[in-house]
Amino acid sequence: MTLYNNYILTVATYLLLANAVITAGARQTLDFYYTIYVIGTLITTELYVYLHPKAKKGLSLVSYILFAGFIVIVIQKVIEILT
């Protein structure tokens, strides 16, 4: 199995398990799902830092976009708390 296939399989497995655990829990908000998925994906991506430099560059761009979405959710929650 190649490294890329292993990475994709790991991310898919994490998302499947995270979805099963979150669904069994009481929290059913979209921002909670997104936050858990982003954290897991970022951790998995950092574990695969030895990817090809071109692939690592592409994954870094995706990570920045996912992190920006996470920051938007945090800002919305802070505004909700302050108002």
N, C-alpha and C. Protein backbone atom coordinates (compact mmCIF):
# COMPACT_ATOMS: atom_id res chain seq x y z
N MET A 1 0.85 -1.17 0.00
CA MET A 1 0.00 0.00 0.00
C MET A 1 0.90 1.24 0.00
N THR A 2 0.60 2.18 -0.88
CA THR A 2 1.42 3.38 -0.95
C THR A 2 1.09 4.32 0.21
N LEU A 3 1.96 5.26 0.40
CA LEU A 3 1.80 6.22 1.49
C LEU A 3 0.53 7.04 1.31
N TYR A 4 0.24 7.44 0.08
CA TYR A 4 -0.95 8.24 -0.18
C TYR A 4 -2.23 7.47 0.11
N ASN A 5 -2.25 6.22 -0.29
CA ASN A 5 -3.41 5.39 -0.01
C ASN A 5 -3.59 5.18 1.49
N ASN A 6 -2.49 5.01 2.19
CA ASN A 6 -2.53 4.85 3.64
C ASN A 6 -3.08 6.11 4.30
N TYR A 7 -2.65 7.27 3.82
CA TYR A 7 -3.14 8.54 4.36
C TYR A 7 -4.65 8.67 4.15
N ILE A 8 -5.10 8.42 2.94
CA ILE A 8 -6.53 8.54 2.62
C ILE A 8 -7.34 7.55 3.45
N LEU A 9 -6.84 6.33 3.59
CA LEU A 9 -7.53 5.33 4.39
C LEU A 9 -7.60 5.74 5.86
N THR A 10 -6.54 6.33 6.38
CA THR A 10 -6.52 6.78 7.77
C THR A 10 -7.52 7.91 8.00
N VAL A 11 -7.55 8.89 7.10
CA VAL A 11 -8.49 10.01 7.24
C VAL A 11 -9.94 9.51 7.13
N ALA A 12 -10.19 8.63 6.18
CA ALA A 12 -11.55 8.10 6.01
C ALA A 12 -11.99 7.30 7.23
N THR A 13 -11.08 6.50 7.79
CA THR A 13 -11.41 5.72 8.98
C THR A 13 -11.69 6.64 10.16
N TYR A 14 -10.86 7.67 10.33
CA TYR A 14 -11.08 8.61 11.43
C TYR A 14 -12.45 9.29 11.29
N LEU A 15 -12.77 9.76 10.09
CA LEU A 15 -14.04 10.45 9.89
C LEU A 15 -15.23 9.51 10.14
N LEU A 16 -15.10 8.27 9.75
CA LEU A 16 -16.16 7.29 9.99
C LEU A 16 -16.35 7.05 11.49
N LEU A 17 -15.25 6.82 12.19
CA LEU A 17 -15.34 6.59 13.64
C LEU A 17 -15.82 7.83 14.39
N ALA A 18 -15.33 9.00 13.99
CA ALA A 18 -15.77 10.24 14.64
C ALA A 18 -17.25 10.46 14.42
N ASN A 19 -17.72 10.18 13.22
CA ASN A 19 -19.14 10.34 12.93
C ASN A 19 -19.99 9.40 13.77
N ALA A 20 -19.55 8.17 13.94
CA ALA A 20 -20.30 7.21 14.75
C ALA A 20 -20.34 7.64 16.21
N VAL A 21 -19.23 8.12 16.73
CA VAL A 21 -19.19 8.54 18.14
C VAL A 21 -20.02 9.80 18.35
N ILE A 22 -19.90 10.76 17.45
CA ILE A 22 -20.65 12.01 17.60
C ILE A 22 -22.15 11.75 17.48
N THR A 23 -22.54 10.90 16.56
CA THR A 23 -23.95 10.59 16.39
C THR A 23 -24.53 9.92 17.64
N ALA A 24 -23.74 9.11 18.31
CA ALA A 24 -24.21 8.46 19.53
C ALA A 24 -24.33 9.45 20.68
N GLY A 25 -23.61 10.55 20.60
CA GLY A 25 -23.65 11.56 21.66
C GLY A 25 -24.86 12.46 21.54
N ALA A 26 -24.91 13.43 22.43
CA ALA A 26 -26.07 14.32 22.50
C ALA A 26 -25.93 15.56 21.62
N ARG A 27 -24.71 15.94 21.27
CA ARG A 27 -24.50 17.18 20.50
C ARG A 27 -24.77 16.93 19.03
N GLN A 28 -25.66 17.70 18.46
CA GLN A 28 -26.04 17.50 17.06
C GLN A 28 -25.94 18.81 16.28
N THR A 29 -24.95 19.65 16.57
CA THR A 29 -24.81 20.90 15.84
C THR A 29 -23.74 20.77 14.77
N LEU A 30 -23.93 21.50 13.70
CA LEU A 30 -23.02 21.42 12.57
C LEU A 30 -21.62 21.92 12.93
N ASP A 31 -21.55 22.96 13.75
CA ASP A 31 -20.23 23.48 14.12
C ASP A 31 -19.44 22.48 14.95
N PHE A 32 -20.10 21.70 15.75
CA PHE A 32 -19.42 20.68 16.54
C PHE A 32 -18.85 19.59 15.63
N TYR A 33 -19.66 19.14 14.66
CA TYR A 33 -19.18 18.15 13.69
C TYR A 33 -17.96 18.69 12.94
N TYR A 34 -18.07 19.92 12.44
CA TYR A 34 -16.98 20.52 11.65
C TYR A 34 -15.71 20.62 12.48
N THR A 35 -15.83 21.06 13.72
CA THR A 35 -14.66 21.22 14.58
C THR A 35 -13.98 19.88 14.83
N ILE A 36 -14.73 18.86 15.13
CA ILE A 36 -14.14 17.54 15.37
C ILE A 36 -13.47 17.01 14.11
N TYR A 37 -14.11 17.17 12.97
CA TYR A 37 -13.52 16.71 11.71
C TYR A 37 -12.23 17.46 11.38
N VAL A 38 -12.24 18.77 11.58
CA VAL A 38 -11.04 19.57 11.27
C VAL A 38 -9.89 19.19 12.18
N ILE A 39 -10.15 19.05 13.46
CA ILE A 39 -9.08 18.69 14.40
C ILE A 39 -8.50 17.33 14.03
N GLY A 40 -9.33 16.37 13.76
CA GLY A 40 -8.84 15.04 13.38
C GLY A 40 -8.06 15.05 12.08
N THR A 41 -8.56 15.78 11.09
CA THR A 41 -7.87 15.85 9.81
C THR A 41 -6.52 16.54 9.95
N LEU A 42 -6.45 17.62 10.73
CA LEU A 42 -5.18 18.31 10.93
C LEU A 42 -4.17 17.43 11.67
N ILE A 43 -4.63 16.69 12.65
CA ILE A 43 -3.73 15.79 13.38
C ILE A 43 -3.22 14.70 12.45
N THR A 44 -4.10 14.12 11.66
CA THR A 44 -3.68 13.06 10.73
C THR A 44 -2.70 13.60 9.70
N THR A 45 -2.95 14.80 9.21
CA THR A 45 -2.05 15.40 8.23
C THR A 45 -0.68 15.65 8.84
N GLU A 46 -0.64 16.10 10.08
CA GLU A 46 0.65 16.33 10.73
C GLU A 46 1.40 15.03 11.00
N LEU A 47 0.68 13.94 11.19
CA LEU A 47 1.34 12.66 11.37
C LEU A 47 1.98 12.16 10.09
N TYR A 48 1.50 12.64 8.95
CA TYR A 48 2.03 12.24 7.65
C TYR A 48 2.91 13.35 7.07
N VAL A 49 3.76 13.95 7.89
CA VAL A 49 4.60 15.06 7.43
C VAL A 49 5.67 14.60 6.45
N TYR A 50 5.92 13.32 6.37
CA TYR A 50 6.95 12.83 5.48
C TYR A 50 6.42 12.55 4.07
N LEU A 51 5.29 13.15 3.72
CA LEU A 51 4.75 13.00 2.37
C LEU A 51 5.66 13.72 1.37
N HIS A 52 5.44 13.45 0.12
CA HIS A 52 6.15 14.12 -0.96
C HIS A 52 5.97 15.64 -0.81
N PRO A 53 7.00 16.44 -1.04
CA PRO A 53 6.88 17.90 -0.85
C PRO A 53 5.71 18.54 -1.61
N LYS A 54 5.44 18.07 -2.82
CA LYS A 54 4.32 18.63 -3.58
C LYS A 54 2.99 18.29 -2.92
N ALA A 55 2.85 17.06 -2.46
CA ALA A 55 1.62 16.65 -1.77
C ALA A 55 1.49 17.39 -0.44
N LYS A 56 2.61 17.56 0.25
CA LYS A 56 2.59 18.26 1.53
C LYS A 56 2.16 19.71 1.33
N LYS A 57 2.61 20.34 0.25
CA LYS A 57 2.23 21.72 -0.04
C LYS A 57 0.72 21.81 -0.29
N GLY A 58 0.17 20.86 -1.05
CA GLY A 58 -1.27 20.85 -1.31
C GLY A 58 -2.09 20.62 -0.05
N LEU A 59 -1.61 19.70 0.79
CA LEU A 59 -2.32 19.43 2.04
C LEU A 59 -2.22 20.61 3.00
N SER A 60 -1.12 21.34 2.94
CA SER A 60 -0.98 22.53 3.78
C SER A 60 -2.01 23.58 3.38
N LEU A 61 -2.24 23.75 2.09
CA LEU A 61 -3.25 24.69 1.63
C LEU A 61 -4.63 24.28 2.13
N VAL A 62 -4.94 23.01 2.03
CA VAL A 62 -6.24 22.51 2.53
C VAL A 62 -6.33 22.72 4.04
N SER A 63 -5.24 22.49 4.75
CA SER A 63 -5.23 22.68 6.20
C SER A 63 -5.48 24.14 6.57
N TYR A 64 -4.90 25.07 5.82
CA TYR A 64 -5.12 26.49 6.09
C TYR A 64 -6.59 26.86 5.87
N ILE A 65 -7.19 26.31 4.83
CA ILE A 65 -8.60 26.61 4.56
C ILE A 65 -9.49 26.04 5.66
N LEU A 66 -9.22 24.80 6.08
CA LEU A 66 -10.00 24.20 7.17
C LEU A 66 -9.82 24.97 8.48
N PHE A 67 -8.59 25.40 8.74
CA PHE A 67 -8.32 26.16 9.97
C PHE A 67 -9.03 27.52 9.93
N ALA A 68 -9.09 28.14 8.76
CA ALA A 68 -9.81 29.41 8.63
C ALA A 68 -11.29 29.22 8.95
N GLY A 69 -11.88 28.12 8.48
CA GLY A 69 -13.26 27.82 8.83
C GLY A 69 -13.45 27.61 10.32
N PHE A 70 -12.48 26.96 10.95
CA PHE A 70 -12.52 26.76 12.39
C PHE A 70 -12.48 28.10 13.13
N ILE A 71 -11.63 29.02 12.67
CA ILE A 71 -11.53 30.34 13.29
C ILE A 71 -12.85 31.09 13.15
N VAL A 72 -13.51 30.97 12.00
CA VAL A 72 -14.81 31.62 11.81
C VAL A 72 -15.82 31.10 12.83
N ILE A 73 -15.83 29.81 13.07
CA ILE A 73 -16.75 29.22 14.06
C ILE A 73 -16.42 29.74 15.45
N VAL A 74 -15.15 29.82 15.79
CA VAL A 74 -14.75 30.33 17.11
C VAL A 74 -15.19 31.79 17.27
N ILE A 75 -15.00 32.60 16.24
CA ILE A 75 -15.41 34.01 16.32
C ILE A 75 -16.92 34.12 16.48
N GLN A 76 -17.67 33.30 15.76
CA GLN A 76 -19.14 33.32 15.90
C GLN A 76 -19.56 32.94 17.31
N LYS A 77 -18.90 31.95 17.90
CA LYS A 77 -19.25 31.55 19.27
C LYS A 77 -18.90 32.65 20.28
N VAL A 78 -17.78 33.30 20.08
CA VAL A 78 -17.39 34.40 20.98
C VAL A 78 -18.38 35.53 20.88
N ILE A 79 -18.78 35.88 19.67
CA ILE A 79 -19.79 36.95 19.49
C ILE A 79 -21.11 36.52 20.13
N GLU A 80 -21.47 35.26 19.98
CA GLU A 80 -22.72 34.77 20.60
C GLU A 80 -22.67 34.85 22.12
N ILE A 81 -21.51 34.57 22.69
CA ILE A 81 -21.36 34.65 24.15
C ILE A 81 -21.39 36.10 24.63
N LEU A 82 -20.77 37.00 23.87
CA LEU A 82 -20.68 38.39 24.30
C LEU A 82 -21.98 39.15 24.12
N THR A 83 -22.87 38.68 23.26
CA THR A 83 -24.12 39.42 23.07
C THR A 83 -25.26 38.84 23.85
